Amino acid sequence: MIVLGVGVEPGTPAEYLVEAVGGLAYDVVATIDRRLGEPAIEAVAGGRKLLTYTTAELDAVDVPNPSAVVRRLTGTGSVAEAAAILAARELGGAGELVVEKQRGRMVTVALAR
């Protein structure tokens, strides 16, 4: 099972996230709980399972590419990588990144299994 971890700025146009996801194949979407209901998140979830995590849960995950900017804005150093890892673990996977954080316009994505 492949998990797409997603970080978006509030109000990000759906097309920005769809563009960042591109041809990535994934089964589940994961993000920070405060972005639940964002149209961009809903667009890439497209009926797939969507898991959300609190700032504290995300901040407890060791990630290879933490961000001081993301920490300042959200209270955690990672959303996309940490959410992907947590969801993969929750679903019985190894919780290892297969695609590290990639940035797009107002978005960040990562894949884990």
PDB file of N, CA and C in Angstrom:
ATOM      1  N   MET A   1       0.843  -1.174   0.000  1.00  0.00           N
ATOM      2  CA  MET A   1       0.000   0.000   0.000  1.00  0.00           C
ATOM      3  C   MET A   1       0.889   1.239   0.000  1.00  0.00           C
ATOM      4  N   ILE A   2       0.653   2.139  -0.919  1.00  0.00           N
ATOM      5  CA  ILE A   2       1.439   3.366  -1.043  1.00  0.00           C
ATOM      6  C   ILE A   2       0.608   4.537  -0.523  1.00  0.00           C
ATOM      7  N   VAL A   3       1.226   5.335   0.345  1.00  0.00           N
ATOM      8  CA  VAL A   3       0.554   6.482   0.949  1.00  0.00           C
ATOM      9  C   VAL A   3       1.152   7.765   0.393  1.00  0.00           C
ATOM     10  N   LEU A   4       0.268   8.671  -0.027  1.00  0.00           N
ATOM     11  CA  LEU A   4       0.656  10.002  -0.456  1.00  0.00           C
ATOM     12  C   LEU A   4       0.499  10.940   0.729  1.00  0.00           C
ATOM     13  N   GLY A   5       1.604  11.462   1.212  1.00  0.00           N
ATOM     14  CA  GLY A   5       1.566  12.478   2.255  1.00  0.00           C
ATOM     15  C   GLY A   5       1.507  13.837   1.585  1.00  0.00           C
ATOM     16  N   VAL A   6       0.644  14.721   2.108  1.00  0.00           N
ATOM     17  CA  VAL A   6       0.398  16.002   1.468  1.00  0.00           C
ATOM     18  C   VAL A   6       0.439  17.140   2.479  1.00  0.00           C
ATOM     19  N   GLY A   7       1.151  18.185   2.111  1.00  0.00           N
ATOM     20  CA  GLY A   7       1.100  19.438   2.842  1.00  0.00           C
ATOM     21  C   GLY A   7       0.660  20.525   1.879  1.00  0.00           C
ATOM     22  N   VAL A   8      -0.327  21.335   2.294  1.00  0.00           N
ATOM     23  CA  VAL A   8      -0.797  22.426   1.439  1.00  0.00           C
ATOM     24  C   VAL A   8      -0.990  23.682   2.283  1.00  0.00           C
ATOM     25  N   GLU A   9      -0.812  24.815   1.632  1.00  0.00           N
ATOM     26  CA  GLU A   9      -1.159  26.081   2.270  1.00  0.00           C
ATOM     27  C   GLU A   9      -2.673  26.219   2.211  1.00  0.00           C
ATOM     28  N   PRO A  10      -3.276  26.878   3.200  1.00  0.00           N
ATOM     29  CA  PRO A  10      -4.731  27.061   3.157  1.00  0.00           C
ATOM     30  C   PRO A  10      -5.152  27.754   1.862  1.00  0.00           C
ATOM     31  N   GLY A  11      -6.228  27.252   1.254  1.00  0.00           N
ATOM     32  CA  GLY A  11      -6.758  27.853   0.047  1.00  0.00           C
ATOM     33  C   GLY A  11      -6.000  27.531  -1.225  1.00  0.00           C
ATOM     34  N   THR A  12      -5.101  26.571  -1.167  1.00  0.00           N
ATOM     35  CA  THR A  12      -4.348  26.188  -2.361  1.00  0.00           C
ATOM     36  C   THR A  12      -5.299  25.703  -3.455  1.00  0.00           C
ATOM     37  N   PRO A  13      -5.167  26.226  -4.663  1.00  0.00           N
ATOM     38  CA  PRO A  13      -6.004  25.725  -5.760  1.00  0.00           C
ATOM     39  C   PRO A  13      -5.753  24.229  -5.997  1.00  0.00           C
ATOM     40  N   ALA A  14      -6.812  23.493  -6.229  1.00  0.00           N
ATOM     41  CA  ALA A  14      -6.703  22.051  -6.424  1.00  0.00           C
ATOM     42  C   ALA A  14      -5.726  21.703  -7.543  1.00  0.00           C
ATOM     43  N   GLU A  15      -5.704  22.501  -8.609  1.00  0.00           N
ATOM     44  CA  GLU A  15      -4.830  22.177  -9.738  1.00  0.00           C
ATOM     45  C   GLU A  15      -3.348  22.210  -9.355  1.00  0.00           C
ATOM     46  N   TYR A  16      -2.970  23.003  -8.353  1.00  0.00           N
ATOM     47  CA  TYR A  16      -1.571  23.037  -7.916  1.00  0.00           C
ATOM     48  C   TYR A  16      -1.164  21.687  -7.324  1.00  0.00           C
ATOM     49  N   LEU A  17      -2.041  21.116  -6.510  1.00  0.00           N
ATOM     50  CA  LEU A  17      -1.723  19.826  -5.897  1.00  0.00           C
ATOM     51  C   LEU A  17      -1.810  18.704  -6.923  1.00  0.00           C
ATOM     52  N   VAL A  18      -2.800  18.739  -7.777  1.00  0.00           N
ATOM     53  CA  VAL A  18      -2.926  17.723  -8.829  1.00  0.00           C
ATOM     54  C   VAL A  18      -1.674  17.743  -9.700  1.00  0.00           C
ATOM     55  N   GLU A  19      -1.182  18.925 -10.020  1.00  0.00           N
ATOM     56  CA  GLU A  19       0.045  19.067 -10.815  1.00  0.00           C
ATOM     57  C   GLU A  19       1.252  18.479 -10.086  1.00  0.00           C
ATOM     58  N   ALA A  20       1.358  18.732  -8.787  1.00  0.00           N
ATOM     59  CA  ALA A  20       2.491  18.217  -8.004  1.00  0.00           C
ATOM     60  C   ALA A  20       2.462  16.700  -7.887  1.00  0.00           C
ATOM     61  N   VAL A  21       1.259  16.148  -7.794  1.00  0.00           N
ATOM     62  CA  VAL A  21       1.114  14.690  -7.685  1.00  0.00           C
ATOM     63  C   VAL A  21       1.463  14.038  -9.017  1.00  0.00           C
ATOM     64  N   GLY A  22       1.122  14.708 -10.113  1.00  0.00           N
ATOM     65  CA  GLY A  22       1.483  14.206 -11.443  1.00  0.00           C
ATOM     66  C   GLY A  22       1.093  12.760 -11.629  1.00  0.00           C
ATOM     67  N   GLY A  23       2.050  11.935 -12.018  1.00  0.00           N
ATOM     68  CA  GLY A  23       1.785  10.528 -12.281  1.00  0.00           C
ATOM     69  C   GLY A  23       2.075   9.608 -11.112  1.00  0.00           C
ATOM     70  N   LEU A  24       2.228  10.160  -9.910  1.00  0.00           N
ATOM     71  CA  LEU A  24       2.498   9.312  -8.751  1.00  0.00           C
ATOM     72  C   LEU A  24       1.326   8.370  -8.497  1.00  0.00           C
ATOM     73  N   ALA A  25       1.627   7.117  -8.243  1.00  0.00           N
ATOM     74  CA  ALA A  25       0.592   6.122  -7.940  1.00  0.00           C
ATOM     75  C   ALA A  25       0.492   5.962  -6.434  1.00  0.00           C
ATOM     76  N   TYR A  26      -0.727   6.009  -5.891  1.00  0.00           N
ATOM     77  CA  TYR A  26      -0.929   5.916  -4.450  1.00  0.00           C
ATOM     78  C   TYR A  26      -2.317   5.360  -4.151  1.00  0.00           C
ATOM     79  N   ASP A  27      -2.434   4.793  -2.937  1.00  0.00           N
ATOM     80  CA  ASP A  27      -3.687   4.176  -2.515  1.00  0.00           C
ATOM     81  C   ASP A  27      -4.415   4.965  -1.443  1.00  0.00           C
ATOM     82  N   VAL A  28      -3.657   5.724  -0.649  1.00  0.00           N
ATOM     83  CA  VAL A  28      -4.174   6.431   0.524  1.00  0.00           C
ATOM     84  C   VAL A  28      -3.562   7.825   0.532  1.00  0.00           C
ATOM     85  N   VAL A  29      -4.295   8.791   1.082  1.00  0.00           N
ATOM     86  CA  VAL A  29      -3.796  10.154   1.244  1.00  0.00           C
ATOM     87  C   VAL A  29      -3.737  10.464   2.736  1.00  0.00           C
ATOM     88  N   ALA A  30      -2.670  11.163   3.154  1.00  0.00           N
ATOM     89  CA  ALA A  30      -2.518  11.531   4.565  1.00  0.00           C
ATOM     90  C   ALA A  30      -2.031  12.972   4.667  1.00  0.00           C
ATOM     91  N   THR A  31      -2.519  13.680   5.692  1.00  0.00           N
ATOM     92  CA  THR A  31      -2.144  15.079   5.886  1.00  0.00           C
ATOM     93  C   THR A  31      -2.377  15.493   7.337  1.00  0.00           C
ATOM     94  N   ILE A  32      -2.163  16.763   7.611  1.00  0.00           N
ATOM     95  CA  ILE A  32      -2.402  17.315   8.942  1.00  0.00           C
ATOM     96  C   ILE A  32      -3.902  17.542   9.126  1.00  0.00           C
ATOM     97  N   ASP A  33      -4.395  17.337  10.328  1.00  0.00           N
ATOM     98  CA  ASP A  33      -5.840  17.401  10.573  1.00  0.00           C
ATOM     99  C   ASP A  33      -6.454  18.755  10.234  1.00  0.00           C
ATOM    100  N   ARG A  34      -5.706  19.828  10.376  1.00  0.00           N
ATOM    101  CA  ARG A  34      -6.276  21.153  10.107  1.00  0.00           C
ATOM    102  C   ARG A  34      -6.505  21.419   8.623  1.00  0.00           C
ATOM    103  N   ARG A  35      -6.055  20.539   7.752  1.00  0.00           N
ATOM    104  CA  ARG A  35      -6.291  20.710   6.310  1.00  0.00           C
ATOM    105  C   ARG A  35      -7.438  19.834   5.798  1.00  0.00           C
ATOM    106  N   LEU A  36      -8.069  19.105   6.690  1.00  0.00           N
ATOM    107  CA  LEU A  36      -9.232  18.310   6.305  1.00  0.00           C
ATOM    108  C   LEU A  36     -10.300  19.248   5.749  1.00  0.00           C
ATOM    109  N   GLY A  37     -10.837  18.916   4.611  1.00  0.00           N
ATOM    110  CA  GLY A  37     -11.844  19.741   3.976  1.00  0.00           C
ATOM    111  C   GLY A  37     -11.290  20.701   2.933  1.00  0.00           C
ATOM    112  N   GLU A  38      -9.964  20.820   2.836  1.00  0.00           N
ATOM    113  CA  GLU A  38      -9.377  21.665   1.790  1.00  0.00           C
ATOM    114  C   GLU A  38      -9.707  21.052   0.430  1.00  0.00           C
ATOM    115  N   PRO A  39     -10.216  21.847  -0.510  1.00  0.00           N
ATOM    116  CA  PRO A  39     -10.564  21.325  -1.824  1.00  0.00           C
ATOM    117  C   PRO A  39      -9.395  20.617  -2.528  1.00  0.00           C
ATOM    118  N   ALA A  40      -8.184  21.109  -2.371  1.00  0.00           N
ATOM    119  CA  ALA A  40      -7.028  20.466  -3.016  1.00  0.00           C
ATOM    120  C   ALA A  40      -6.822  19.054  -2.481  1.00  0.00           C
ATOM    121  N   ILE A  41      -6.963  18.889  -1.170  1.00  0.00           N
ATOM    122  CA  ILE A  41      -6.812  17.561  -0.560  1.00  0.00           C
ATOM    123  C   ILE A  41      -7.908  16.626  -1.070  1.00  0.00           C
ATOM    124  N   GLU A  42      -9.131  17.125  -1.083  1.00  0.00           N
ATOM    125  CA  GLU A  42     -10.257  16.317  -1.559  1.00  0.00           C
ATOM    126  C   GLU A  42     -10.051  15.900  -3.019  1.00  0.00           C
ATOM    127  N   ALA A  43      -9.474  16.790  -3.815  1.00  0.00           N
ATOM    128  CA  ALA A  43      -9.254  16.490  -5.237  1.00  0.00           C
ATOM    129  C   ALA A  43      -8.300  15.324  -5.433  1.00  0.00           C
ATOM    130  N   VAL A  44      -7.203  15.277  -4.673  1.00  0.00           N
ATOM    131  CA  VAL A  44      -6.253  14.172  -4.865  1.00  0.00           C
ATOM    132  C   VAL A  44      -6.692  12.913  -4.140  1.00  0.00           C
ATOM    133  N   ALA A  45      -7.523  13.061  -3.114  1.00  0.00           N
ATOM    134  CA  ALA A  45      -8.034  11.869  -2.429  1.00  0.00           C
ATOM    135  C   ALA A  45      -8.973  11.119  -3.368  1.00  0.00           C
ATOM    136  N   GLY A  46      -9.852  11.837  -4.025  1.00  0.00           N
ATOM    137  CA  GLY A  46     -10.714  11.231  -5.038  1.00  0.00           C
ATOM    138  C   GLY A  46     -11.378   9.941  -4.614  1.00  0.00           C
ATOM    139  N   GLY A  47     -11.914   9.870  -3.405  1.00  0.00           N
ATOM    140  CA  GLY A  47     -12.575   8.661  -2.926  1.00  0.00           C
ATOM    141  C   GLY A  47     -11.655   7.677  -2.219  1.00  0.00           C
ATOM    142  N   ARG A  48     -10.362   7.931  -2.244  1.00  0.00           N
ATOM    143  CA  ARG A  48      -9.432   7.066  -1.508  1.00  0.00           C
ATOM    144  C   ARG A  48      -9.537   7.344  -0.013  1.00  0.00           C
ATOM    145  N   LYS A  49      -9.020   6.431   0.771  1.00  0.00           N
ATOM    146  CA  LYS A  49      -8.953   6.624   2.214  1.00  0.00           C
ATOM    147  C   LYS A  49      -8.115   7.868   2.493  1.00  0.00           C
ATOM    148  N   LEU A  50      -8.585   8.714   3.428  1.00  0.00           N
ATOM    149  CA  LEU A  50      -7.888   9.933   3.813  1.00  0.00           C
ATOM    150  C   LEU A  50      -7.651   9.900   5.318  1.00  0.00           C
ATOM    151  N   LEU A  51      -6.388   9.918   5.711  1.00  0.00           N
ATOM    152  CA  LEU A  51      -6.026   9.898   7.119  1.00  0.00           C
ATOM    153  C   LEU A  51      -5.422  11.237   7.514  1.00  0.00           C
ATOM    154  N   THR A  52      -5.764  11.704   8.729  1.00  0.00           N
ATOM    155  CA  THR A  52      -5.213  12.964   9.203  1.00  0.00           C
ATOM    156  C   THR A  52      -4.559  12.768  10.565  1.00  0.00           C
ATOM    157  N   TYR A  53      -3.596  13.636  10.854  1.00  0.00           N
ATOM    158  CA  TYR A  53      -2.833  13.549  12.089  1.00  0.00           C
ATOM    159  C   TYR A  53      -2.677  14.918  12.726  1.00  0.00           C
ATOM    160  N   THR A  54      -2.566  14.925  14.030  1.00  0.00           N
ATOM    161  CA  THR A  54      -2.371  16.170  14.762  1.00  0.00           C
ATOM    162  C   THR A  54      -0.930  16.656  14.608  1.00  0.00           C
ATOM    163  N   THR A  55      -0.740  17.906  14.947  1.00  0.00           N
ATOM    164  CA  THR A  55       0.606  18.481  14.925  1.00  0.00           C
ATOM    165  C   THR A  55       1.548  17.669  15.798  1.00  0.00           C
ATOM    166  N   ALA A  56       1.103  17.295  16.991  1.00  0.00           N
ATOM    167  CA  ALA A  56       1.951  16.532  17.912  1.00  0.00           C
ATOM    168  C   ALA A  56       2.324  15.175  17.330  1.00  0.00           C
ATOM    169  N   GLU A  57       1.364  14.499  16.695  1.00  0.00           N
ATOM    170  CA  GLU A  57       1.657  13.197  16.091  1.00  0.00           C
ATOM    171  C   GLU A  57       2.692  13.341  14.974  1.00  0.00           C
ATOM    172  N   LEU A  58       2.527  14.340  14.133  1.00  0.00           N
ATOM    173  CA  LEU A  58       3.466  14.554  13.028  1.00  0.00           C
ATOM    174  C   LEU A  58       4.847  14.947  13.543  1.00  0.00           C
ATOM    175  N   ASP A  59       4.871  15.766  14.573  1.00  0.00           N
ATOM    176  CA  ASP A  59       6.140  16.267  15.091  1.00  0.00           C
ATOM    177  C   ASP A  59       6.976  15.169  15.749  1.00  0.00           C
ATOM    178  N   ALA A  60       6.341  14.073  16.127  1.00  0.00           N
ATOM    179  CA  ALA A  60       7.057  12.966  16.773  1.00  0.00           C
ATOM    180  C   ALA A  60       7.769  12.057  15.780  1.00  0.00           C
ATOM    181  N   VAL A  61       7.551  12.281  14.480  1.00  0.00           N
ATOM    182  CA  VAL A  61       8.130  11.429  13.445  1.00  0.00           C
ATOM    183  C   VAL A  61       9.468  12.005  12.978  1.00  0.00           C
ATOM    184  N   ASP A  62      10.478  11.148  12.934  1.00  0.00           N
ATOM    185  CA  ASP A  62      11.793  11.536  12.425  1.00  0.00           C
ATOM    186  C   ASP A  62      11.743  11.499  10.900  1.00  0.00           C
ATOM    187  N   VAL A  63      12.003  12.640  10.264  1.00  0.00           N
ATOM    188  CA  VAL A  63      11.955  12.735   8.805  1.00  0.00           C
ATOM    189  C   VAL A  63      13.294  13.236   8.270  1.00  0.00           C
ATOM    190  N   PRO A  64      13.629  12.901   7.028  1.00  0.00           N
ATOM    191  CA  PRO A  64      14.918  13.328   6.475  1.00  0.00           C
ATOM    192  C   PRO A  64      14.972  14.802   6.062  1.00  0.00           C
ATOM    193  N   ASN A  65      13.812  15.431   5.859  1.00  0.00           N
ATOM    194  CA  ASN A  65      13.805  16.798   5.329  1.00  0.00           C
ATOM    195  C   ASN A  65      12.885  17.729   6.111  1.00  0.00           C
ATOM    196  N   PRO A  66      13.158  17.935   7.402  1.00  0.00           N
ATOM    197  CA  PRO A  66      12.303  18.851   8.154  1.00  0.00           C
ATOM    198  C   PRO A  66      12.464  20.282   7.638  1.00  0.00           C
ATOM    199  N   SER A  67      11.463  21.101   7.899  1.00  0.00           N
ATOM    200  CA  SER A  67      11.461  22.478   7.416  1.00  0.00           C
ATOM    201  C   SER A  67      11.181  23.453   8.555  1.00  0.00           C
ATOM    202  N   ALA A  68      12.048  24.432   8.710  1.00  0.00           N
ATOM    203  CA  ALA A  68      11.835  25.470   9.718  1.00  0.00           C
ATOM    204  C   ALA A  68      10.611  26.318   9.372  1.00  0.00           C
ATOM    205  N   VAL A  69      10.368  26.528   8.096  1.00  0.00           N
ATOM    206  CA  VAL A  69       9.206  27.316   7.663  1.00  0.00           C
ATOM    207  C   VAL A  69       7.917  26.584   8.021  1.00  0.00           C
ATOM    208  N   VAL A  70       7.863  25.288   7.725  1.00  0.00           N
ATOM    209  CA  VAL A  70       6.677  24.495   8.059  1.00  0.00           C
ATOM    210  C   VAL A  70       6.482  24.480   9.572  1.00  0.00           C
ATOM    211  N   ARG A  71       7.556  24.356  10.331  1.00  0.00           N
ATOM    212  CA  ARG A  71       7.458  24.369  11.795  1.00  0.00           C
ATOM    213  C   ARG A  71       6.868  25.693  12.271  1.00  0.00           C
ATOM    214  N   ARG A  72       7.327  26.791  11.710  1.00  0.00           N
ATOM    215  CA  ARG A  72       6.830  28.105  12.112  1.00  0.00           C
ATOM    216  C   ARG A  72       5.337  28.247  11.797  1.00  0.00           C
ATOM    217  N   LEU A  73       4.905  27.716  10.672  1.00  0.00           N
ATOM    218  CA  LEU A  73       3.518  27.859  10.240  1.00  0.00           C
ATOM    219  C   LEU A  73       2.557  26.863  10.879  1.00  0.00           C
ATOM    220  N   THR A  74       3.044  25.663  11.184  1.00  0.00           N
ATOM    221  CA  THR A  74       2.139  24.606  11.651  1.00  0.00           C
ATOM    222  C   THR A  74       2.447  24.068  13.042  1.00  0.00           C
ATOM    223  N   GLY A  75       3.682  24.256  13.500  1.00  0.00           N
ATOM    224  CA  GLY A  75       4.070  23.695  14.793  1.00  0.00           C
ATOM    225  C   GLY A  75       4.758  22.350  14.675  1.00  0.00           C
ATOM    226  N   THR A  76       4.953  21.869  13.456  1.00  0.00           N
ATOM    227  CA  THR A  76       5.685  20.628  13.210  1.00  0.00           C
ATOM    228  C   THR A  76       6.656  20.853  12.060  1.00  0.00           C
ATOM    229  N   GLY A  77       7.771  20.154  12.094  1.00  0.00           N
ATOM    230  CA  GLY A  77       8.780  20.328  11.053  1.00  0.00           C
ATOM    231  C   GLY A  77       8.460  19.619   9.754  1.00  0.00           C
ATOM    232  N   SER A  78       7.403  18.808   9.739  1.00  0.00           N
ATOM    233  CA  SER A  78       7.060  18.065   8.527  1.00  0.00           C
ATOM    234  C   SER A  78       5.577  17.733   8.517  1.00  0.00           C
ATOM    235  N   VAL A  79       4.971  17.898   7.353  1.00  0.00           N
ATOM    236  CA  VAL A  79       3.600  17.431   7.167  1.00  0.00           C
ATOM    237  C   VAL A  79       3.598  16.283   6.160  1.00  0.00           C
ATOM    238  N   ALA A  80       4.062  16.522   4.944  1.00  0.00           N
ATOM    239  CA  ALA A  80       3.973  15.506   3.895  1.00  0.00           C
ATOM    240  C   ALA A  80       4.725  14.227   4.250  1.00  0.00           C
ATOM    241  N   GLU A  81       6.006  14.351   4.579  1.00  0.00           N
ATOM    242  CA  GLU A  81       6.791  13.146   4.892  1.00  0.00           C
ATOM    243  C   GLU A  81       6.265  12.468   6.151  1.00  0.00           C
ATOM    244  N   ALA A  82       6.026  13.237   7.199  1.00  0.00           N
ATOM    245  CA  ALA A  82       5.580  12.644   8.467  1.00  0.00           C
ATOM    246  C   ALA A  82       4.217  11.972   8.321  1.00  0.00           C
ATOM    247  N   ALA A  83       3.292  12.619   7.616  1.00  0.00           N
ATOM    248  CA  ALA A  83       1.957  12.025   7.431  1.00  0.00           C
ATOM    249  C   ALA A  83       2.041  10.736   6.621  1.00  0.00           C
ATOM    250  N   ALA A  84       2.861  10.734   5.574  1.00  0.00           N
ATOM    251  CA  ALA A  84       3.017   9.526   4.752  1.00  0.00           C
ATOM    252  C   ALA A  84       3.574   8.379   5.587  1.00  0.00           C
ATOM    253  N   ILE A  85       4.599   8.665   6.382  1.00  0.00           N
ATOM    254  CA  ILE A  85       5.221   7.630   7.223  1.00  0.00           C
ATOM    255  C   ILE A  85       4.221   7.109   8.253  1.00  0.00           C
ATOM    256  N   LEU A  86       3.540   8.011   8.954  1.00  0.00           N
ATOM    257  CA  LEU A  86       2.568   7.584   9.972  1.00  0.00           C
ATOM    258  C   LEU A  86       1.455   6.729   9.383  1.00  0.00           C
ATOM    259  N   ALA A  87       0.909   7.166   8.273  1.00  0.00           N
ATOM    260  CA  ALA A  87      -0.186   6.413   7.657  1.00  0.00           C
ATOM    261  C   ALA A  87       0.284   5.047   7.179  1.00  0.00           C
ATOM    262  N   ALA A  88       1.463   4.989   6.583  1.00  0.00           N
ATOM    263  CA  ALA A  88       1.989   3.698   6.133  1.00  0.00           C
ATOM    264  C   ALA A  88       2.133   2.741   7.314  1.00  0.00           C
ATOM    265  N   ARG A  89       2.654   3.237   8.420  1.00  0.00           N
ATOM    266  CA  ARG A  89       2.784   2.395   9.626  1.00  0.00           C
ATOM    267  C   ARG A  89       1.419   1.955  10.132  1.00  0.00           C
ATOM    268  N   GLU A  90       0.484   2.887  10.175  1.00  0.00           N
ATOM    269  CA  GLU A  90      -0.861   2.585  10.666  1.00  0.00           C
ATOM    270  C   GLU A  90      -1.529   1.504   9.818  1.00  0.00           C
ATOM    271  N   LEU A  91      -1.210   1.476   8.540  1.00  0.00           N
ATOM    272  CA  LEU A  91      -1.817   0.512   7.622  1.00  0.00           C
ATOM    273  C   LEU A  91      -1.015  -0.780   7.509  1.00  0.00           C
ATOM    274  N   GLY A  92      -0.009  -0.948   8.377  1.00  0.00           N
ATOM    275  CA  GLY A  92       0.744  -2.192   8.416  1.00  0.00           C
ATOM    276  C   GLY A  92       2.001  -2.213   7.575  1.00  0.00           C
ATOM    277  N   GLY A  93       2.367  -1.088   7.012  1.00  0.00           N
ATOM    278  CA  GLY A  93       3.577  -1.016   6.197  1.00  0.00           C
ATOM    279  C   GLY A  93       4.816  -0.730   7.035  1.00  0.00           C
ATOM    280  N   ALA A  94       5.927  -0.613   6.349  1.00  0.00           N
ATOM    281  CA  ALA A  94       7.206  -0.364   7.017  1.00  0.00           C
ATOM    282  C   ALA A  94       7.341   1.084   7.487  1.00  0.00           C
ATOM    283  N   GLY A  95       6.573   1.975   6.886  1.00  0.00           N
ATOM    284  CA  GLY A  95       6.697   3.379   7.237  1.00  0.00           C
ATOM    285  C   GLY A  95       7.980   3.986   6.705  1.00  0.00           C
ATOM    286  N   GLU A  96       8.347   3.573   5.493  1.00  0.00           N
ATOM    287  CA  GLU A  96       9.562   4.114   4.882  1.00  0.00           C
ATOM    288  C   GLU A  96       9.201   4.914   3.645  1.00  0.00           C
ATOM    289  N   LEU A  97       9.909   6.015   3.460  1.00  0.00           N
ATOM    290  CA  LEU A  97       9.653   6.865   2.303  1.00  0.00           C
ATOM    291  C   LEU A  97      10.172   6.201   1.038  1.00  0.00           C
ATOM    292  N   VAL A  98       9.377   6.241  -0.001  1.00  0.00           N
ATOM    293  CA  VAL A  98       9.823   5.777  -1.319  1.00  0.00           C
ATOM    294  C   VAL A  98      10.061   6.972  -2.237  1.00  0.00           C
ATOM    295  N   VAL A  99       9.443   8.105  -1.917  1.00  0.00           N
ATOM    296  CA  VAL A  99       9.717   9.374  -2.579  1.00  0.00           C
ATOM    297  C   VAL A  99       9.763  10.426  -1.480  1.00  0.00           C
ATOM    298  N   GLU A 100      10.945  11.020  -1.268  1.00  0.00           N
ATOM    299  CA  GLU A 100      11.067  12.076  -0.272  1.00  0.00           C
ATOM    300  C   GLU A 100      10.302  13.303  -0.724  1.00  0.00           C
ATOM    301  N   LYS A 101      10.167  14.234   0.184  1.00  0.00           N
ATOM    302  CA  LYS A 101       9.421  15.472  -0.039  1.00  0.00           C
ATOM    303  C   LYS A 101       9.770  16.123  -1.375  1.00  0.00           C
ATOM    304  N   GLN A 102       8.714  16.450  -2.107  1.00  0.00           N
ATOM    305  CA  GLN A 102       8.853  17.195  -3.359  1.00  0.00           C
ATOM    306  C   GLN A 102       7.963  18.423  -3.234  1.00  0.00           C
ATOM    307  N   ARG A 103       8.504  19.566  -3.624  1.00  0.00           N
ATOM    308  CA  ARG A 103       7.741  20.809  -3.521  1.00  0.00           C
ATOM    309  C   ARG A 103       7.109  21.179  -4.848  1.00  0.00           C
ATOM    310  N   GLY A 104       5.925  21.738  -4.741  1.00  0.00           N
ATOM    311  CA  GLY A 104       5.230  22.320  -5.878  1.00  0.00           C
ATOM    312  C   GLY A 104       4.745  23.706  -5.476  1.00  0.00           C
ATOM    313  N   ARG A 105       3.888  24.285  -6.273  1.00  0.00           N
ATOM    314  CA  ARG A 105       3.330  25.599  -5.928  1.00  0.00           C
ATOM    315  C   ARG A 105       2.382  25.445  -4.743  1.00  0.00           C
ATOM    316  N   MET A 106       2.763  25.994  -3.606  1.00  0.00           N
ATOM    317  CA  MET A 106       1.955  25.998  -2.373  1.00  0.00           C
ATOM    318  C   MET A 106       1.692  24.601  -1.810  1.00  0.00           C
ATOM    319  N   VAL A 107       2.440  23.581  -2.267  1.00  0.00           N
ATOM    320  CA  VAL A 107       2.205  22.206  -1.826  1.00  0.00           C
ATOM    321  C   VAL A 107       3.521  21.457  -1.630  1.00  0.00           C
ATOM    322  N   THR A 108       3.426  20.387  -0.856  1.00  0.00           N
ATOM    323  CA  THR A 108       4.529  19.446  -0.700  1.00  0.00           C
ATOM    324  C   THR A 108       3.918  18.047  -0.697  1.00  0.00           C
ATOM    325  N   VAL A 109       4.582  17.108  -1.374  1.00  0.00           N
ATOM    326  CA  VAL A 109       4.096  15.730  -1.412  1.00  0.00           C
ATOM    327  C   VAL A 109       5.244  14.763  -1.142  1.00  0.00           C
ATOM    328  N   ALA A 110       4.904  13.586  -0.619  1.00  0.00           N
ATOM    329  CA  ALA A 110       5.870  12.515  -0.375  1.00  0.00           C
ATOM    330  C   ALA A 110       5.119  11.194  -0.440  1.00  0.00           C
ATOM    331  N   LEU A 111       5.840  10.115  -0.737  1.00  0.00           N
ATOM    332  CA  LEU A 111       5.230   8.779  -0.765  1.00  0.00           C
ATOM    333  C   LEU A 111       5.938   7.867   0.217  1.00  0.00           C
ATOM    334  N   ALA A 112       5.148   7.028   0.903  1.00  0.00           N
ATOM    335  CA  ALA A 112       5.715   6.031   1.815  1.00  0.00           C
ATOM    336  C   ALA A 112       4.964   4.722   1.657  1.00  0.00           C
ATOM    337  N   ARG A 113       5.633   3.644   2.096  1.00  0.00           N
ATOM    338  CA  ARG A 113       4.982   2.332   2.089  1.00  0.00           C
ATOM    339  C   ARG A 113       5.249   1.642   3.413  1.00  0.00           C
TER     340      ARG A 113
END
